[in-house]
Amino acid sequence: MNWGEVTGLLTVVGALLGVGHKIISELRANSHKNNQIMEDLAEVKSGVSEIQESALKNSSGLKTLHSYRLAHDMKADIMRGYTTLDRKLAMAKLFESYKNLGGNGEIESLYHEFSELPLKEEDHETK
């Protein structure tokens, strides 16, 4: 092998080493980016979990408030012996929301009793 061939071979090896180094550098950069994406994704998942937990607590609290309001208002009308159209419509909306939140049981029985009440005009003088 003469010096020209050795020089040519060293040039090719140098070029290959340069390309290999560039590839390795890009792989490291991509690996770093992937690690950062995974960390960001873990933070997002944690945030979503916190939001879901908060939503469950809010739903539970809202269901409790609906239950109280429905029981309070419907019992008052049952004791009075009648209801008004406006209250019947309001209770129907509130009861539907309560059911959508997973409510049932005692309030449902009370609602059926309330639904059977006769309707009377609102007495505007007592308002």
N, C-alpha and C. Protein backbone atom coordinates (compact mmCIF):
# COMPACT_ATOMS: atom_id res chain seq x y z
N MET A 1 0.85 -1.15 0.00
CA MET A 1 0.00 0.00 0.00
C MET A 1 0.91 1.23 0.00
N ASN A 2 0.64 2.14 -0.87
CA ASN A 2 1.47 3.33 -0.96
C ASN A 2 0.83 4.47 -0.16
N TRP A 3 1.59 5.55 -0.08
CA TRP A 3 1.14 6.70 0.74
C TRP A 3 -0.14 7.31 0.19
N GLY A 4 -0.37 7.29 -1.03
CA GLY A 4 -1.59 7.84 -1.63
C GLY A 4 -2.80 7.04 -1.19
N GLU A 5 -2.63 5.71 -1.18
CA GLU A 5 -3.74 4.86 -0.75
C GLU A 5 -4.01 5.04 0.74
N VAL A 6 -2.95 5.13 1.54
CA VAL A 6 -3.09 5.32 2.98
C VAL A 6 -3.77 6.66 3.25
N THR A 7 -3.36 7.69 2.54
CA THR A 7 -3.97 9.01 2.72
C THR A 7 -5.45 8.95 2.33
N GLY A 8 -5.74 8.28 1.22
CA GLY A 8 -7.14 8.14 0.79
C GLY A 8 -7.96 7.39 1.83
N LEU A 9 -7.39 6.31 2.34
CA LEU A 9 -8.07 5.50 3.34
C LEU A 9 -8.31 6.32 4.62
N LEU A 10 -7.31 7.07 5.06
CA LEU A 10 -7.47 7.92 6.25
C LEU A 10 -8.52 9.00 6.03
N THR A 11 -8.61 9.51 4.84
CA THR A 11 -9.62 10.51 4.52
C THR A 11 -11.02 9.90 4.64
N VAL A 12 -11.20 8.70 4.10
CA VAL A 12 -12.50 8.01 4.18
C VAL A 12 -12.84 7.70 5.63
N VAL A 13 -11.86 7.19 6.39
CA VAL A 13 -12.09 6.88 7.79
C VAL A 13 -12.45 8.15 8.56
N GLY A 14 -11.78 9.22 8.29
CA GLY A 14 -12.07 10.51 8.95
C GLY A 14 -13.49 10.97 8.62
N ALA A 15 -13.87 10.82 7.36
CA ALA A 15 -15.22 11.23 6.96
C ALA A 15 -16.27 10.35 7.66
N LEU A 16 -16.00 9.04 7.70
CA LEU A 16 -16.93 8.12 8.37
C LEU A 16 -17.04 8.45 9.86
N LEU A 17 -15.92 8.76 10.49
CA LEU A 17 -15.94 9.13 11.91
C LEU A 17 -16.73 10.42 12.12
N GLY A 18 -16.60 11.35 11.22
CA GLY A 18 -17.35 12.61 11.32
C GLY A 18 -18.85 12.36 11.19
N VAL A 19 -19.23 11.53 10.22
CA VAL A 19 -20.66 11.20 10.04
C VAL A 19 -21.16 10.44 11.26
N GLY A 20 -20.37 9.48 11.73
CA GLY A 20 -20.77 8.70 12.91
C GLY A 20 -20.94 9.60 14.13
N HIS A 21 -20.04 10.56 14.30
CA HIS A 21 -20.14 11.48 15.43
C HIS A 21 -21.40 12.33 15.32
N LYS A 22 -21.69 12.78 14.11
CA LYS A 22 -22.89 13.60 13.89
C LYS A 22 -24.14 12.78 14.21
N ILE A 23 -24.18 11.53 13.78
CA ILE A 23 -25.33 10.66 14.04
C ILE A 23 -25.49 10.44 15.55
N ILE A 24 -24.40 10.16 16.23
CA ILE A 24 -24.45 9.95 17.68
C ILE A 24 -24.93 11.21 18.39
N SER A 25 -24.45 12.37 17.97
CA SER A 25 -24.89 13.63 18.58
C SER A 25 -26.38 13.85 18.38
N GLU A 26 -26.87 13.56 17.18
CA GLU A 26 -28.30 13.72 16.90
C GLU A 26 -29.13 12.73 17.72
N LEU A 27 -28.64 11.50 17.87
CA LEU A 27 -29.35 10.52 18.69
C LEU A 27 -29.41 10.97 20.15
N ARG A 28 -28.33 11.51 20.66
CA ARG A 28 -28.33 12.01 22.04
C ARG A 28 -29.31 13.17 22.20
N ALA A 29 -29.32 14.07 21.23
CA ALA A 29 -30.25 15.22 21.28
C ALA A 29 -31.69 14.72 21.24
N ASN A 30 -31.96 13.77 20.35
CA ASN A 30 -33.31 13.22 20.26
C ASN A 30 -33.70 12.50 21.55
N SER A 31 -32.76 11.79 22.13
CA SER A 31 -33.02 11.09 23.39
C SER A 31 -33.35 12.09 24.49
N HIS A 32 -32.61 13.19 24.52
CA HIS A 32 -32.87 14.24 25.51
C HIS A 32 -34.26 14.84 25.29
N LYS A 33 -34.60 15.10 24.04
CA LYS A 33 -35.94 15.65 23.72
C LYS A 33 -37.03 14.66 24.13
N ASN A 34 -36.81 13.39 23.85
CA ASN A 34 -37.80 12.37 24.23
C ASN A 34 -37.97 12.30 25.75
N ASN A 35 -36.85 12.39 26.46
CA ASN A 35 -36.93 12.38 27.93
C ASN A 35 -37.71 13.59 28.44
N GLN A 36 -37.48 14.74 27.84
CA GLN A 36 -38.20 15.96 28.24
C GLN A 36 -39.69 15.82 27.94
N ILE A 37 -40.02 15.25 26.80
CA ILE A 37 -41.43 15.02 26.45
C ILE A 37 -42.07 14.07 27.46
N MET A 38 -41.38 13.03 27.84
CA MET A 38 -41.91 12.08 28.82
C MET A 38 -42.13 12.75 30.18
N GLU A 39 -41.20 13.60 30.58
CA GLU A 39 -41.37 14.33 31.84
C GLU A 39 -42.58 15.26 31.76
N ASP A 40 -42.71 15.96 30.64
CA ASP A 40 -43.86 16.85 30.46
C ASP A 40 -45.16 16.07 30.47
N LEU A 41 -45.18 14.92 29.83
CA LEU A 41 -46.37 14.07 29.79
C LEU A 41 -46.73 13.60 31.20
N ALA A 42 -45.74 13.25 31.98
CA ALA A 42 -46.00 12.82 33.37
C ALA A 42 -46.63 13.97 34.17
N GLU A 43 -46.15 15.19 33.96
CA GLU A 43 -46.74 16.35 34.64
C GLU A 43 -48.18 16.56 34.20
N VAL A 44 -48.46 16.41 32.92
CA VAL A 44 -49.82 16.57 32.40
C VAL A 44 -50.73 15.51 33.01
N LYS A 45 -50.26 14.27 33.05
CA LYS A 45 -51.06 13.19 33.64
C LYS A 45 -51.37 13.48 35.10
N SER A 46 -50.40 13.98 35.82
CA SER A 46 -50.59 14.32 37.23
C SER A 46 -51.64 15.43 37.36
N GLY A 47 -51.55 16.42 36.50
CA GLY A 47 -52.52 17.52 36.51
C GLY A 47 -53.92 17.03 36.20
N VAL A 48 -54.04 16.14 35.23
CA VAL A 48 -55.34 15.58 34.87
C VAL A 48 -55.91 14.79 36.05
N SER A 49 -55.09 14.04 36.73
CA SER A 49 -55.54 13.27 37.89
C SER A 49 -56.07 14.21 38.98
N GLU A 50 -55.37 15.30 39.20
CA GLU A 50 -55.82 16.27 40.21
C GLU A 50 -57.16 16.89 39.81
N ILE A 51 -57.31 17.21 38.54
CA ILE A 51 -58.55 17.79 38.05
C ILE A 51 -59.70 16.78 38.18
N GLN A 52 -59.43 15.52 37.85
CA GLN A 52 -60.47 14.49 37.98
C GLN A 52 -60.90 14.32 39.43
N GLU A 53 -59.93 14.33 40.33
CA GLU A 53 -60.24 14.19 41.75
C GLU A 53 -61.09 15.38 42.23
N SER A 54 -60.72 16.56 41.80
CA SER A 54 -61.48 17.75 42.16
C SER A 54 -62.89 17.70 41.58
N ALA A 55 -63.02 17.25 40.35
CA ALA A 55 -64.34 17.14 39.71
C ALA A 55 -65.23 16.16 40.46
N LEU A 56 -64.66 15.05 40.91
CA LEU A 56 -65.44 14.08 41.69
C LEU A 56 -65.93 14.69 43.00
N LYS A 57 -65.07 15.43 43.65
CA LYS A 57 -65.46 16.09 44.90
C LYS A 57 -66.55 17.12 44.64
N ASN A 58 -66.40 17.88 43.57
CA ASN A 58 -67.41 18.88 43.23
C ASN A 58 -68.75 18.22 42.89
N SER A 59 -68.71 17.14 42.15
CA SER A 59 -69.95 16.42 41.80
C SER A 59 -70.64 15.89 43.04
N SER A 60 -69.86 15.36 43.94
CA SER A 60 -70.41 14.83 45.19
C SER A 60 -71.05 15.96 46.00
N GLY A 61 -70.36 17.07 46.11
CA GLY A 61 -70.89 18.21 46.85
C GLY A 61 -72.15 18.78 46.19
N LEU A 62 -72.13 18.87 44.88
CA LEU A 62 -73.29 19.38 44.15
C LEU A 62 -74.48 18.44 44.32
N LYS A 63 -74.23 17.15 44.30
CA LYS A 63 -75.31 16.18 44.50
C LYS A 63 -75.92 16.35 45.89
N THR A 64 -75.07 16.57 46.89
CA THR A 64 -75.55 16.78 48.26
C THR A 64 -76.40 18.05 48.34
N LEU A 65 -75.94 19.12 47.70
CA LEU A 65 -76.72 20.37 47.69
C LEU A 65 -78.06 20.18 46.99
N HIS A 66 -78.06 19.49 45.84
CA HIS A 66 -79.31 19.21 45.13
C HIS A 66 -80.26 18.41 46.02
N SER A 67 -79.72 17.41 46.69
CA SER A 67 -80.53 16.56 47.55
C SER A 67 -81.20 17.40 48.64
N TYR A 68 -80.41 18.25 49.27
CA TYR A 68 -80.95 19.10 50.34
C TYR A 68 -82.04 20.03 49.80
N ARG A 69 -81.74 20.68 48.69
CA ARG A 69 -82.69 21.65 48.12
C ARG A 69 -83.98 20.96 47.69
N LEU A 70 -83.85 19.83 47.01
CA LEU A 70 -85.04 19.08 46.59
C LEU A 70 -85.87 18.65 47.79
N ALA A 71 -85.22 18.06 48.78
CA ALA A 71 -85.95 17.59 49.96
C ALA A 71 -86.64 18.76 50.67
N HIS A 72 -85.92 19.82 50.86
CA HIS A 72 -86.47 20.98 51.57
C HIS A 72 -87.69 21.55 50.85
N ASP A 73 -87.54 21.82 49.56
CA ASP A 73 -88.63 22.46 48.81
C ASP A 73 -89.81 21.52 48.57
N MET A 74 -89.52 20.26 48.25
CA MET A 74 -90.61 19.34 47.98
C MET A 74 -91.38 19.01 49.25
N LYS A 75 -90.69 18.84 50.38
CA LYS A 75 -91.38 18.58 51.65
C LYS A 75 -92.29 19.75 52.03
N ALA A 76 -91.80 20.97 51.79
CA ALA A 76 -92.61 22.15 52.10
C ALA A 76 -93.90 22.14 51.28
N ASP A 77 -93.81 21.82 50.01
CA ASP A 77 -95.00 21.79 49.15
C ASP A 77 -95.90 20.62 49.52
N ILE A 78 -95.33 19.48 49.85
CA ILE A 78 -96.13 18.32 50.26
C ILE A 78 -96.90 18.65 51.53
N MET A 79 -96.26 19.32 52.48
CA MET A 79 -96.93 19.72 53.72
C MET A 79 -98.05 20.73 53.42
N ARG A 80 -97.83 21.60 52.46
CA ARG A 80 -98.82 22.61 52.09
C ARG A 80 -99.97 21.98 51.32
N GLY A 81 -99.69 20.87 50.64
CA GLY A 81 -100.73 20.14 49.93
C GLY A 81 -100.89 20.50 48.47
N TYR A 82 -100.06 21.36 47.95
CA TYR A 82 -100.10 21.73 46.54
C TYR A 82 -98.77 22.35 46.14
N THR A 83 -98.61 22.56 44.84
CA THR A 83 -97.44 23.25 44.33
C THR A 83 -97.89 24.15 43.18
N THR A 84 -96.95 24.90 42.65
CA THR A 84 -97.25 25.76 41.50
C THR A 84 -96.55 25.19 40.27
N LEU A 85 -96.98 25.64 39.14
CA LEU A 85 -96.36 25.18 37.90
C LEU A 85 -94.88 25.56 37.85
N ASP A 86 -94.58 26.79 38.25
CA ASP A 86 -93.17 27.22 38.24
C ASP A 86 -92.30 26.35 39.14
N ARG A 87 -92.79 26.04 40.34
CA ARG A 87 -92.02 25.20 41.26
C ARG A 87 -91.91 23.78 40.73
N LYS A 88 -92.96 23.28 40.13
CA LYS A 88 -92.92 21.92 39.58
C LYS A 88 -91.88 21.85 38.47
N LEU A 89 -91.83 22.86 37.60
CA LEU A 89 -90.83 22.88 36.52
C LEU A 89 -89.42 23.01 37.09
N ALA A 90 -89.26 23.87 38.09
CA ALA A 90 -87.94 24.06 38.71
C ALA A 90 -87.47 22.77 39.39
N MET A 91 -88.37 22.11 40.10
CA MET A 91 -88.02 20.86 40.78
C MET A 91 -87.70 19.76 39.76
N ALA A 92 -88.41 19.75 38.63
CA ALA A 92 -88.14 18.75 37.59
C ALA A 92 -86.72 18.92 37.04
N LYS A 93 -86.32 20.17 36.78
CA LYS A 93 -84.96 20.44 36.28
C LYS A 93 -83.91 20.05 37.32
N LEU A 94 -84.17 20.44 38.55
CA LEU A 94 -83.22 20.15 39.63
C LEU A 94 -83.12 18.64 39.86
N PHE A 95 -84.26 17.95 39.80
CA PHE A 95 -84.26 16.51 39.99
C PHE A 95 -83.51 15.81 38.86
N GLU A 96 -83.69 16.28 37.63
CA GLU A 96 -82.97 15.69 36.49
C GLU A 96 -81.46 15.86 36.67
N SER A 97 -81.05 17.03 37.11
CA SER A 97 -79.62 17.28 37.37
C SER A 97 -79.12 16.36 38.49
N TYR A 98 -79.92 16.22 39.53
CA TYR A 98 -79.58 15.35 40.65
C TYR A 98 -79.41 13.91 40.18
N LYS A 99 -80.31 13.43 39.32
CA LYS A 99 -80.21 12.07 38.78
C LYS A 99 -78.94 11.92 37.93
N ASN A 100 -78.63 12.94 37.13
CA ASN A 100 -77.42 12.90 36.29
C ASN A 100 -76.15 12.83 37.12
N LEU A 101 -76.21 13.33 38.35
CA LEU A 101 -75.06 13.27 39.25
C LEU A 101 -75.01 11.95 40.02
N GLY A 102 -75.98 11.06 39.75
CA GLY A 102 -75.98 9.75 40.39
C GLY A 102 -76.90 9.65 41.59
N GLY A 103 -77.73 10.67 41.82
CA GLY A 103 -78.64 10.65 42.96
C GLY A 103 -79.80 9.69 42.75
N ASN A 104 -80.32 9.18 43.86
CA ASN A 104 -81.48 8.28 43.80
C ASN A 104 -82.06 8.12 45.19
N GLY A 105 -82.84 7.08 45.39
CA GLY A 105 -83.30 6.70 46.73
C GLY A 105 -84.41 7.55 47.27
N GLU A 106 -84.19 8.06 48.48
CA GLU A 106 -85.21 8.80 49.22
C GLU A 106 -85.73 9.99 48.41
N ILE A 107 -84.85 10.71 47.76
CA ILE A 107 -85.26 11.88 46.98
C ILE A 107 -86.16 11.47 45.82
N GLU A 108 -85.86 10.33 45.21
CA GLU A 108 -86.68 9.86 44.10
C GLU A 108 -88.10 9.55 44.59
N SER A 109 -88.23 8.91 45.73
CA SER A 109 -89.56 8.62 46.30
C SER A 109 -90.29 9.92 46.61
N LEU A 110 -89.59 10.85 47.19
CA LEU A 110 -90.17 12.14 47.53
C LEU A 110 -90.61 12.88 46.26
N TYR A 111 -89.81 12.79 45.21
CA TYR A 111 -90.13 13.46 43.96
C TYR A 111 -91.42 12.89 43.36
N HIS A 112 -91.58 11.58 43.43
CA HIS A 112 -92.80 10.98 42.89
C HIS A 112 -94.02 11.45 43.68
N GLU A 113 -93.88 11.56 45.00
CA GLU A 113 -94.98 12.07 45.82
C GLU A 113 -95.25 13.54 45.46
N PHE A 114 -94.20 14.32 45.30
CA PHE A 114 -94.33 15.73 44.93
C PHE A 114 -95.02 15.88 43.57
N SER A 115 -94.66 15.01 42.63
CA SER A 115 -95.22 15.07 41.27
C SER A 115 -96.73 14.91 41.25
N GLU A 116 -97.27 14.24 42.26
CA GLU A 116 -98.71 13.99 42.33
C GLU A 116 -99.48 15.16 42.93
N LEU A 117 -98.80 16.15 43.44
CA LEU A 117 -99.48 17.28 44.07
C LEU A 117 -100.32 18.05 43.06
N PRO A 118 -101.46 18.56 43.49
CA PRO A 118 -102.25 19.40 42.60
C PRO A 118 -101.55 20.74 42.36
N LEU A 119 -101.82 21.32 41.21
CA LEU A 119 -101.24 22.63 40.87
C LEU A 119 -102.23 23.72 41.24
N LYS A 120 -101.70 24.79 41.78
CA LYS A 120 -102.51 25.98 42.07
C LYS A 120 -101.78 27.18 41.51
N GLU A 121 -102.54 28.23 41.25
CA GLU A 121 -101.95 29.49 40.80
C GLU A 121 -101.10 30.06 41.92
N GLU A 122 -100.06 30.79 41.55
CA GLU A 122 -99.24 31.45 42.57
C GLU A 122 -100.04 32.59 43.16
N ASP A 123 -99.95 32.74 44.48
CA ASP A 123 -100.60 33.84 45.17
C ASP A 123 -99.62 35.00 45.19
N HIS A 124 -99.81 35.95 44.28
CA HIS A 124 -98.86 37.06 44.13
C HIS A 124 -98.92 38.04 45.29
N GLU A 125 -99.97 38.00 46.08
CA GLU A 125 -100.10 38.92 47.20
C GLU A 125 -99.17 38.55 48.35
N THR A 126 -98.82 37.26 48.47
CA THR A 126 -97.98 36.82 49.58
C THR A 126 -96.50 36.84 49.23
N LYS A 127 -96.18 37.25 48.05
CA LYS A 127 -94.77 37.29 47.65
C LYS A 127 -94.09 38.54 48.10
